[in-house]
N, C-alpha and C. Protein backbone atom coordinates (compact mmCIF):
# COMPACT_ATOMS: atom_id res chain seq x y z
N MET A 1 -1.92 236.61 11.40
CA MET A 1 -0.52 237.08 11.80
C MET A 1 -0.40 238.14 10.49
N SER A 2 -1.36 238.52 10.01
CA SER A 2 -1.29 239.61 9.04
C SER A 2 -1.25 241.07 10.00
N GLY A 3 -0.33 241.94 9.38
CA GLY A 3 -0.16 243.22 10.12
C GLY A 3 0.81 243.09 11.47
N MET A 4 1.27 241.84 11.64
CA MET A 4 2.19 241.77 12.72
C MET A 4 3.67 241.50 12.13
N SER A 5 4.59 242.26 12.63
CA SER A 5 5.99 242.18 12.07
C SER A 5 6.66 240.86 12.61
N VAL A 6 7.68 240.48 11.87
CA VAL A 6 8.56 239.28 12.21
C VAL A 6 8.94 239.30 13.64
N LEU A 7 9.07 240.57 14.24
CA LEU A 7 9.47 240.68 15.68
C LEU A 7 8.37 240.74 16.73
N GLY A 8 7.24 240.21 16.12
CA GLY A 8 6.01 240.29 17.00
C GLY A 8 5.65 241.82 17.45
N ASP A 9 5.33 241.97 18.74
CA ASP A 9 5.00 243.22 19.19
C ASP A 9 6.36 243.94 19.89
N ILE A 10 7.30 243.53 19.63
CA ILE A 10 8.74 244.16 20.06
C ILE A 10 8.90 245.30 19.24
N THR A 11 9.15 246.43 19.61
CA THR A 11 9.44 247.62 18.73
C THR A 11 11.05 247.91 18.97
N PRO A 12 11.67 248.36 18.10
CA PRO A 12 12.72 248.70 18.23
C PRO A 12 13.37 249.93 19.06
N THR A 13 14.41 249.88 19.80
CA THR A 13 14.73 251.14 20.73
C THR A 13 15.43 252.26 19.81
N PRO A 14 14.82 253.39 19.96
CA PRO A 14 15.30 254.41 19.22
C PRO A 14 16.87 254.80 19.63
N PRO A 15 17.53 255.11 18.75
CA PRO A 15 19.19 255.39 19.04
C PRO A 15 19.23 256.18 20.05
N GLU A 16 18.52 257.49 20.38
CA GLU A 16 18.86 258.26 21.38
C GLU A 16 18.49 257.53 22.91
N ALA A 17 17.74 256.74 22.84
CA ALA A 17 17.66 255.96 24.13
C ALA A 17 18.66 255.14 24.42
N LEU A 18 19.30 254.60 23.58
CA LEU A 18 20.54 253.69 23.65
C LEU A 18 21.87 254.60 24.36
N SER A 19 21.72 255.89 23.55
CA SER A 19 23.13 256.52 24.02
C SER A 19 22.67 256.95 25.55
N GLU A 20 21.50 257.13 26.17
CA GLU A 20 21.20 257.72 27.35
C GLU A 20 21.83 256.70 28.55
N GLY A 21 21.71 255.39 28.27
CA GLY A 21 21.98 254.42 29.37
C GLY A 21 23.16 253.64 29.12
N GLY A 22 23.81 253.74 27.72
CA GLY A 22 24.86 252.85 27.34
C GLY A 22 26.10 253.50 27.31
N GLY A 23 27.32 252.80 26.82
CA GLY A 23 28.31 253.34 26.81
C GLY A 23 29.29 253.16 28.13
N PRO A 24 30.60 253.39 27.82
CA PRO A 24 31.51 252.91 28.91
C PRO A 24 31.09 254.01 30.26
N GLU A 25 30.83 255.41 29.89
CA GLU A 25 30.54 256.19 31.03
C GLU A 25 29.36 256.03 31.90
N ALA A 26 28.51 255.08 31.27
CA ALA A 26 27.43 254.56 32.14
C ALA A 26 27.87 253.51 33.00
N ALA A 27 28.75 252.60 32.46
CA ALA A 27 29.30 251.62 33.39
C ALA A 27 30.01 252.04 34.50
N THR A 28 30.82 253.15 34.17
CA THR A 28 31.43 253.91 35.52
C THR A 28 30.61 254.43 36.29
N ARG A 29 29.52 255.12 35.90
CA ARG A 29 28.49 255.61 36.87
C ARG A 29 27.90 254.45 37.82
N ARG A 30 27.59 253.30 37.22
CA ARG A 30 27.00 252.39 38.01
C ARG A 30 27.89 251.58 38.85
N LYS A 31 29.11 251.68 38.73
CA LYS A 31 30.20 251.04 39.65
C LYS A 31 30.02 251.86 41.01
N SER A 32 30.35 250.73 41.90
CA SER A 32 30.54 251.14 43.45
C SER A 32 31.76 252.02 43.58
N PRO A 33 31.85 253.01 44.47
CA PRO A 33 32.86 253.97 44.68
C PRO A 33 34.14 253.06 44.98
N ASN A 34 33.99 251.91 45.66
CA ASN A 34 35.23 251.21 45.93
C ASN A 34 35.69 250.15 44.81
N ALA A 35 35.01 250.22 43.60
CA ALA A 35 35.09 249.34 42.52
C ALA A 35 36.57 249.64 41.82
N PHE A 36 37.26 248.78 41.37
CA PHE A 36 38.56 249.01 40.48
C PHE A 36 38.02 249.58 39.17
N ARG A 37 38.95 250.47 38.79
CA ARG A 37 38.55 251.06 37.36
C ARG A 37 39.87 250.85 36.37
N THR A 38 39.20 250.49 35.19
CA THR A 38 40.47 250.41 34.00
C THR A 38 41.06 251.60 33.85
N ILE A 39 42.28 251.45 33.05
CA ILE A 39 43.05 252.89 32.78
C ILE A 39 42.08 253.58 31.79
N SER A 40 41.39 253.13 31.02
CA SER A 40 40.46 254.02 30.14
C SER A 40 39.31 254.58 31.02
N GLU A 41 38.75 254.13 32.01
CA GLU A 41 37.91 254.71 32.77
C GLU A 41 38.36 255.95 33.68
N VAL A 42 39.75 255.60 34.17
CA VAL A 42 40.41 256.66 35.03
C VAL A 42 40.84 257.73 34.13
N ALA A 43 41.44 257.52 32.80
CA ALA A 43 41.72 258.57 32.21
C ALA A 43 40.83 259.50 31.47
N GLU A 44 39.50 258.91 31.39
CA GLU A 44 38.20 259.79 31.07
C GLU A 44 37.99 260.47 32.26
N ASP A 45 37.90 259.92 33.26
CA ASP A 45 37.47 260.56 34.62
C ASP A 45 38.28 261.69 34.93
N LEU A 46 39.67 261.62 34.78
CA LEU A 46 40.61 262.73 35.25
C LEU A 46 40.94 263.52 34.18
N HIS A 47 40.49 263.21 32.94
CA HIS A 47 40.97 264.03 31.65
C HIS A 47 42.38 264.13 31.43
N ILE A 48 42.94 262.87 31.72
CA ILE A 48 44.56 262.84 31.62
C ILE A 48 44.74 261.63 30.63
N PRO A 49 45.36 261.78 29.48
CA PRO A 49 45.53 260.61 28.47
C PRO A 49 46.32 259.50 29.18
N GLN A 50 45.85 258.41 28.60
CA GLN A 50 46.41 256.98 29.13
C GLN A 50 47.91 256.88 29.15
N HIS A 51 48.56 257.31 28.10
CA HIS A 51 49.97 257.36 28.14
C HIS A 51 50.84 258.24 29.27
N VAL A 52 49.93 259.31 29.65
CA VAL A 52 50.49 260.01 30.85
C VAL A 52 50.30 259.25 32.02
N LEU A 53 49.14 258.60 32.17
CA LEU A 53 49.18 257.62 33.39
C LEU A 53 50.11 256.68 33.50
N ARG A 54 50.35 256.10 32.44
CA ARG A 54 51.42 254.98 32.27
C ARG A 54 52.74 255.44 32.66
N PHE A 55 53.01 256.73 32.14
CA PHE A 55 54.33 257.33 32.40
C PHE A 55 54.47 257.68 33.98
N TRP A 56 53.30 258.33 34.44
CA TRP A 56 53.31 258.42 35.85
C TRP A 56 53.83 257.21 36.85
N GLU A 57 53.18 256.18 36.44
CA GLU A 57 53.67 254.98 37.05
C GLU A 57 55.19 254.67 37.06
N THR A 58 55.69 255.29 35.95
CA THR A 58 57.14 254.97 36.02
C THR A 58 58.13 256.15 36.88
N LYS A 59 57.37 257.27 37.19
CA LYS A 59 58.01 258.14 37.95
C LYS A 59 57.41 258.34 39.57
N PHE A 60 56.41 257.67 39.76
CA PHE A 60 55.76 257.56 41.22
C PHE A 60 55.74 256.40 41.51
N PRO A 61 56.65 255.54 42.40
CA PRO A 61 56.57 254.24 42.78
C PRO A 61 55.28 253.85 43.59
N GLN A 62 54.67 254.90 44.14
CA GLN A 62 53.59 254.75 44.95
C GLN A 62 52.27 254.31 44.29
N LEU A 63 52.22 254.46 42.82
CA LEU A 63 51.30 254.24 42.04
C LEU A 63 51.41 252.73 41.55
N LYS A 64 50.60 251.78 41.97
CA LYS A 64 50.81 250.32 41.81
C LYS A 64 49.68 249.72 41.27
N PRO A 65 48.91 250.02 40.12
CA PRO A 65 47.69 249.36 39.88
C PRO A 65 47.82 247.92 39.71
N LEU A 66 46.73 247.31 39.85
CA LEU A 66 46.79 245.75 39.81
C LEU A 66 46.94 245.44 38.21
N LYS A 67 47.68 244.58 37.89
CA LYS A 67 47.89 243.97 36.41
C LYS A 67 47.53 242.80 36.34
N ARG A 68 46.50 242.54 35.52
CA ARG A 68 45.94 241.10 35.07
C ARG A 68 46.62 240.74 33.99
N GLY A 69 45.96 239.56 33.38
CA GLY A 69 46.52 238.92 32.19
C GLY A 69 46.67 239.93 30.96
N GLY A 70 47.72 239.70 30.30
CA GLY A 70 47.87 240.78 29.07
C GLY A 70 48.14 242.28 29.65
N GLY A 71 48.72 242.31 30.78
CA GLY A 71 49.10 243.80 31.22
C GLY A 71 47.98 244.64 31.50
N ARG A 72 46.60 244.17 31.46
CA ARG A 72 45.62 245.12 31.79
C ARG A 72 45.49 245.69 33.12
N ARG A 73 45.42 246.92 33.33
CA ARG A 73 45.45 247.72 34.64
C ARG A 73 44.27 247.87 35.13
N TYR A 74 44.22 247.69 36.54
CA TYR A 74 42.94 247.89 37.38
C TYR A 74 43.38 248.69 38.48
N TYR A 75 42.81 250.18 38.45
CA TYR A 75 43.32 251.18 39.58
C TYR A 75 42.26 250.86 40.74
N ARG A 76 42.97 251.00 42.03
CA ARG A 76 42.02 250.86 43.16
C ARG A 76 41.74 252.28 43.51
N PRO A 77 40.61 252.51 44.32
CA PRO A 77 40.27 253.98 44.65
C PRO A 77 41.25 254.81 45.09
N GLU A 78 42.33 254.17 46.03
CA GLU A 78 43.41 254.93 46.46
C GLU A 78 44.37 255.28 45.35
N ASP A 79 44.41 254.46 44.51
CA ASP A 79 45.19 254.90 43.26
C ASP A 79 44.70 255.98 42.56
N ILE A 80 43.57 256.26 42.44
CA ILE A 80 42.73 257.08 41.72
C ILE A 80 42.92 258.52 42.63
N THR A 81 42.71 258.41 43.90
CA THR A 81 42.96 259.61 44.70
C THR A 81 44.32 260.28 44.49
N LEU A 82 45.28 259.22 44.53
CA LEU A 82 46.72 259.67 44.34
C LEU A 82 46.88 260.26 42.97
N LEU A 83 46.45 259.71 41.93
CA LEU A 83 46.52 260.15 40.40
C LEU A 83 45.84 261.63 40.35
N ARG A 84 44.65 261.78 41.10
CA ARG A 84 44.01 263.09 41.11
C ARG A 84 44.93 264.06 41.85
N ARG A 85 45.51 263.73 42.74
CA ARG A 85 46.41 264.83 43.71
C ARG A 85 47.65 264.98 42.83
N ILE A 86 48.15 264.14 42.02
CA ILE A 86 49.45 264.18 41.28
C ILE A 86 49.01 265.12 40.14
N GLY A 87 47.87 264.92 39.65
CA GLY A 87 47.49 265.91 38.53
C GLY A 87 47.19 267.20 39.06
N ASP A 88 46.70 267.48 40.08
CA ASP A 88 46.44 268.67 40.70
C ASP A 88 47.68 269.45 40.86
N LEU A 89 48.61 268.84 41.60
CA LEU A 89 50.01 269.38 41.89
C LEU A 89 50.75 269.86 40.85
N LEU A 90 50.59 268.91 39.63
CA LEU A 90 51.34 269.21 38.38
C LEU A 90 50.68 270.33 37.50
N TYR A 91 49.38 270.10 37.27
CA TYR A 91 48.72 270.82 36.39
C TYR A 91 48.21 272.16 36.94
N THR A 92 47.79 272.06 38.14
CA THR A 92 47.21 273.34 38.75
C THR A 92 48.05 274.15 39.60
N GLN A 93 48.73 273.53 40.46
CA GLN A 93 49.71 274.02 41.42
C GLN A 93 51.05 274.50 40.96
N GLY A 94 51.45 273.83 39.64
CA GLY A 94 52.65 274.18 38.99
C GLY A 94 53.86 273.36 39.61
N TYR A 95 53.95 272.45 40.37
CA TYR A 95 54.97 271.56 40.89
C TYR A 95 55.65 270.76 39.70
N THR A 96 56.85 270.59 39.83
CA THR A 96 57.43 269.68 38.61
C THR A 96 57.23 268.21 39.30
N ILE A 97 57.75 267.35 38.37
CA ILE A 97 57.62 266.10 38.61
C ILE A 97 58.44 265.75 39.69
N LYS A 98 59.85 266.40 39.79
CA LYS A 98 60.62 266.20 41.04
C LYS A 98 60.01 266.80 42.28
N GLY A 99 59.44 267.82 42.01
CA GLY A 99 58.82 268.38 43.29
C GLY A 99 57.75 267.46 44.02
N VAL A 100 56.82 266.86 43.11
CA VAL A 100 55.96 265.96 43.58
C VAL A 100 56.58 264.69 44.27
N GLN A 101 57.71 264.16 43.43
CA GLN A 101 58.40 262.99 43.83
C GLN A 101 58.93 263.45 45.37
N ARG A 102 59.44 264.45 45.63
CA ARG A 102 59.76 264.74 46.93
C ARG A 102 58.95 264.86 47.99
N LEU A 103 57.63 265.46 47.62
CA LEU A 103 56.48 265.66 48.57
C LEU A 103 55.94 264.10 48.86
N LEU A 104 55.97 263.36 48.02
CA LEU A 104 55.52 261.95 48.39
C LEU A 104 56.62 261.28 49.11
N ARG A 105 57.78 261.34 48.80
CA ARG A 105 58.84 260.66 49.62
C ARG A 105 58.84 261.31 50.98
N GLU A 106 58.74 262.58 51.27
CA GLU A 106 58.77 263.06 52.43
C GLU A 106 57.59 262.87 53.46
N GLY A 107 56.22 262.56 52.82
CA GLY A 107 55.30 262.45 53.70
C GLY A 107 54.27 261.72 53.20
N GLY A 108 54.51 261.02 52.14
CA GLY A 108 53.30 260.35 51.52
C GLY A 108 52.31 261.27 51.09
N LEU A 109 51.04 260.73 50.77
CA LEU A 109 49.76 261.38 50.32
C LEU A 109 49.56 262.51 51.62
N GLU A 110 49.69 262.20 52.97
CA GLU A 110 49.35 263.30 53.79
C GLU A 110 50.28 264.45 53.58
N GLY A 111 51.68 264.05 53.13
CA GLY A 111 52.71 265.38 53.16
C GLY A 111 52.18 266.16 51.69
N VAL A 112 51.59 265.51 50.81
CA VAL A 112 51.19 266.05 49.64
C VAL A 112 50.06 267.15 50.09
N GLU A 113 48.98 266.39 50.90
CA GLU A 113 47.87 267.32 51.31
C GLU A 113 48.14 268.46 52.38
N ALA A 114 49.32 268.09 53.09
CA ALA A 114 49.76 269.41 53.90
C ALA A 114 50.24 270.23 53.16
N ALA A 115 50.97 269.96 52.09
CA ALA A 115 51.57 270.99 51.30
C ALA A 115 50.48 271.94 50.47
N SER A 116 49.61 271.17 50.19
CA SER A 116 48.38 271.83 49.36
C SER A 116 47.80 272.79 50.45
N GLU A 117 47.48 272.34 51.73
CA GLU A 117 47.15 273.33 52.68
C GLU A 117 48.09 274.54 52.88
N ALA A 118 49.30 274.38 52.98
CA ALA A 118 50.19 275.40 53.20
C ALA A 118 50.17 276.45 51.99
N ASP A 119 49.97 275.95 50.67
CA ASP A 119 49.89 276.64 49.66
C ASP A 119 48.55 277.52 49.74
N GLU A 120 47.49 277.11 50.36
CA GLU A 120 46.16 277.89 50.45
C GLU A 120 46.15 278.83 51.73
N ALA A 121 47.21 278.70 52.55
CA ALA A 121 47.30 279.59 53.69
C ALA A 121 47.22 280.93 53.40
N PRO A 122 46.60 281.93 54.03
CA PRO A 122 46.59 283.37 53.79
C PRO A 122 48.00 284.07 53.57
N MET A 123 47.99 285.09 52.86
CA MET A 123 49.44 285.82 52.98
C MET A 123 49.48 286.56 54.17
N PRO A 124 50.55 286.71 54.83
CA PRO A 124 50.62 287.62 55.98
C PRO A 124 50.59 288.90 55.66
N GLU A 125 49.95 289.65 56.36
CA GLU A 125 49.59 291.29 56.03
C GLU A 125 51.01 292.05 56.04
N LEU A 126 51.17 292.93 55.12
CA LEU A 126 52.18 293.80 54.95
C LEU A 126 52.00 294.96 55.69
N PRO A 127 52.99 295.58 56.17
CA PRO A 127 52.85 296.78 57.01
C PRO A 127 52.33 298.07 55.96
N PRO A 128 51.97 299.16 56.44
CA PRO A 128 51.21 300.04 55.54
C PRO A 128 52.36 300.88 54.63
N GLU A 129 53.61 300.68 55.05
CA GLU A 129 54.66 301.55 54.05
C GLU A 129 54.85 300.28 53.14
N GLY A 130 54.22 299.22 53.04
CA GLY A 130 54.44 298.12 52.01
C GLY A 130 53.32 298.34 50.94
N SER A 131 52.85 299.69 50.69
CA SER A 131 51.53 299.66 49.61
C SER A 131 52.00 299.31 48.43
N GLU A 132 53.30 299.81 47.97
CA GLU A 132 53.64 299.35 46.57
C GLU A 132 53.90 297.94 46.38
N LEU A 133 54.60 297.44 47.40
CA LEU A 133 54.86 295.86 47.44
C LEU A 133 53.51 295.26 47.34
N ARG A 134 52.52 295.76 48.17
CA ARG A 134 51.01 295.03 48.06
C ARG A 134 50.56 294.96 46.69
N ALA A 135 50.70 296.36 46.12
CA ALA A 135 50.11 296.44 44.59
C ALA A 135 50.80 295.60 43.76
N CYS A 136 51.99 295.28 43.90
CA CYS A 136 52.80 294.35 43.05
C CYS A 136 52.37 292.94 43.11
N LEU A 137 52.27 292.50 44.58
CA LEU A 137 51.71 291.21 44.94
C LEU A 137 50.36 290.94 44.46
N ASP A 138 49.60 291.96 44.66
CA ASP A 138 48.10 291.84 43.87
C ASP A 138 48.09 291.30 42.52
N GLU A 139 49.15 292.26 41.83
CA GLU A 139 49.07 292.17 40.22
C GLU A 139 49.61 290.68 40.00
N LEU A 140 50.57 290.13 40.71
CA LEU A 140 51.22 288.81 40.51
C LEU A 140 50.31 287.79 40.75
N GLU A 141 49.51 287.92 41.93
CA GLU A 141 48.43 287.01 41.99
C GLU A 141 47.36 286.90 41.09
N LEU A 142 47.07 288.02 40.27
CA LEU A 142 46.19 287.98 39.37
C LEU A 142 46.69 287.29 38.23
N ILE A 143 47.99 287.42 37.73
CA ILE A 143 48.68 286.69 36.68
C ILE A 143 48.72 285.32 37.00
N ALA A 144 48.92 284.82 38.22
CA ALA A 144 49.25 283.48 38.52
C ALA A 144 47.78 282.80 38.32
N ALA A 145 46.72 283.58 38.79
CA ALA A 145 45.30 282.97 38.67
C ALA A 145 45.21 282.69 37.05
N ALA A 146 45.56 283.75 36.36
CA ALA A 146 45.08 283.59 34.76
C ALA A 146 46.11 282.56 34.22
N LEU A 147 47.22 282.27 34.58
CA LEU A 147 47.92 281.25 34.19
C LEU A 147 47.50 279.83 34.64
N LYS A 148 47.11 279.92 35.89
CA LYS A 148 46.32 278.43 36.15
C LYS A 148 45.11 278.32 35.35
N ALA A 149 44.29 279.24 35.18
CA ALA A 149 43.11 279.05 34.24
C ALA A 149 43.64 278.64 32.95
N LEU A 150 44.60 279.22 32.37
CA LEU A 150 45.28 278.74 30.96
C LEU A 150 45.73 277.43 30.97
N SER A 151 46.26 276.95 32.08
CA SER A 151 46.99 275.67 31.95
C SER A 151 45.94 274.51 32.52
N ALA A 152 44.84 274.65 32.98
CA ALA A 152 43.87 273.91 33.51
C ALA A 152 43.54 272.81 32.38
N PRO A 153 43.34 271.56 32.55
CA PRO A 153 43.08 270.57 31.53
C PRO A 153 41.61 270.74 31.30
N ARG A 154 41.35 270.69 30.14
CA ARG A 154 39.97 270.91 29.34
C ARG A 154 39.20 269.66 29.23
């Protein structure tokens, strides 16, 4: 037994190897796409603080995560899709909470997606005499793009 450690021939795992496969983010990657997610997993995935997700539950009745003992929330894939869409409308497209509520009330998630497609529709062509107007519109579009980039979650 001389030369043999107390652990036998087991060698400890280096810390860098533990960080590669461990941690909550690794558990999220290994979950099925249809698996329920905790609020911390959703918050990390969407880059939205947990308190904001809880607040949105009070503002959007369509969000109804399952709640287990102790009030622990479990989000279904459709909840996550809706949260992602709400975040996009609020943070990227500049809607207000009331505006998103109206979109959801009028057409559900399909209405929200239709509104998004309408936002992405090409601008109608201006007549040649509108060249000054076109220059102003181009400048406004550049400003809007810069504002979107500044307001995007990091």
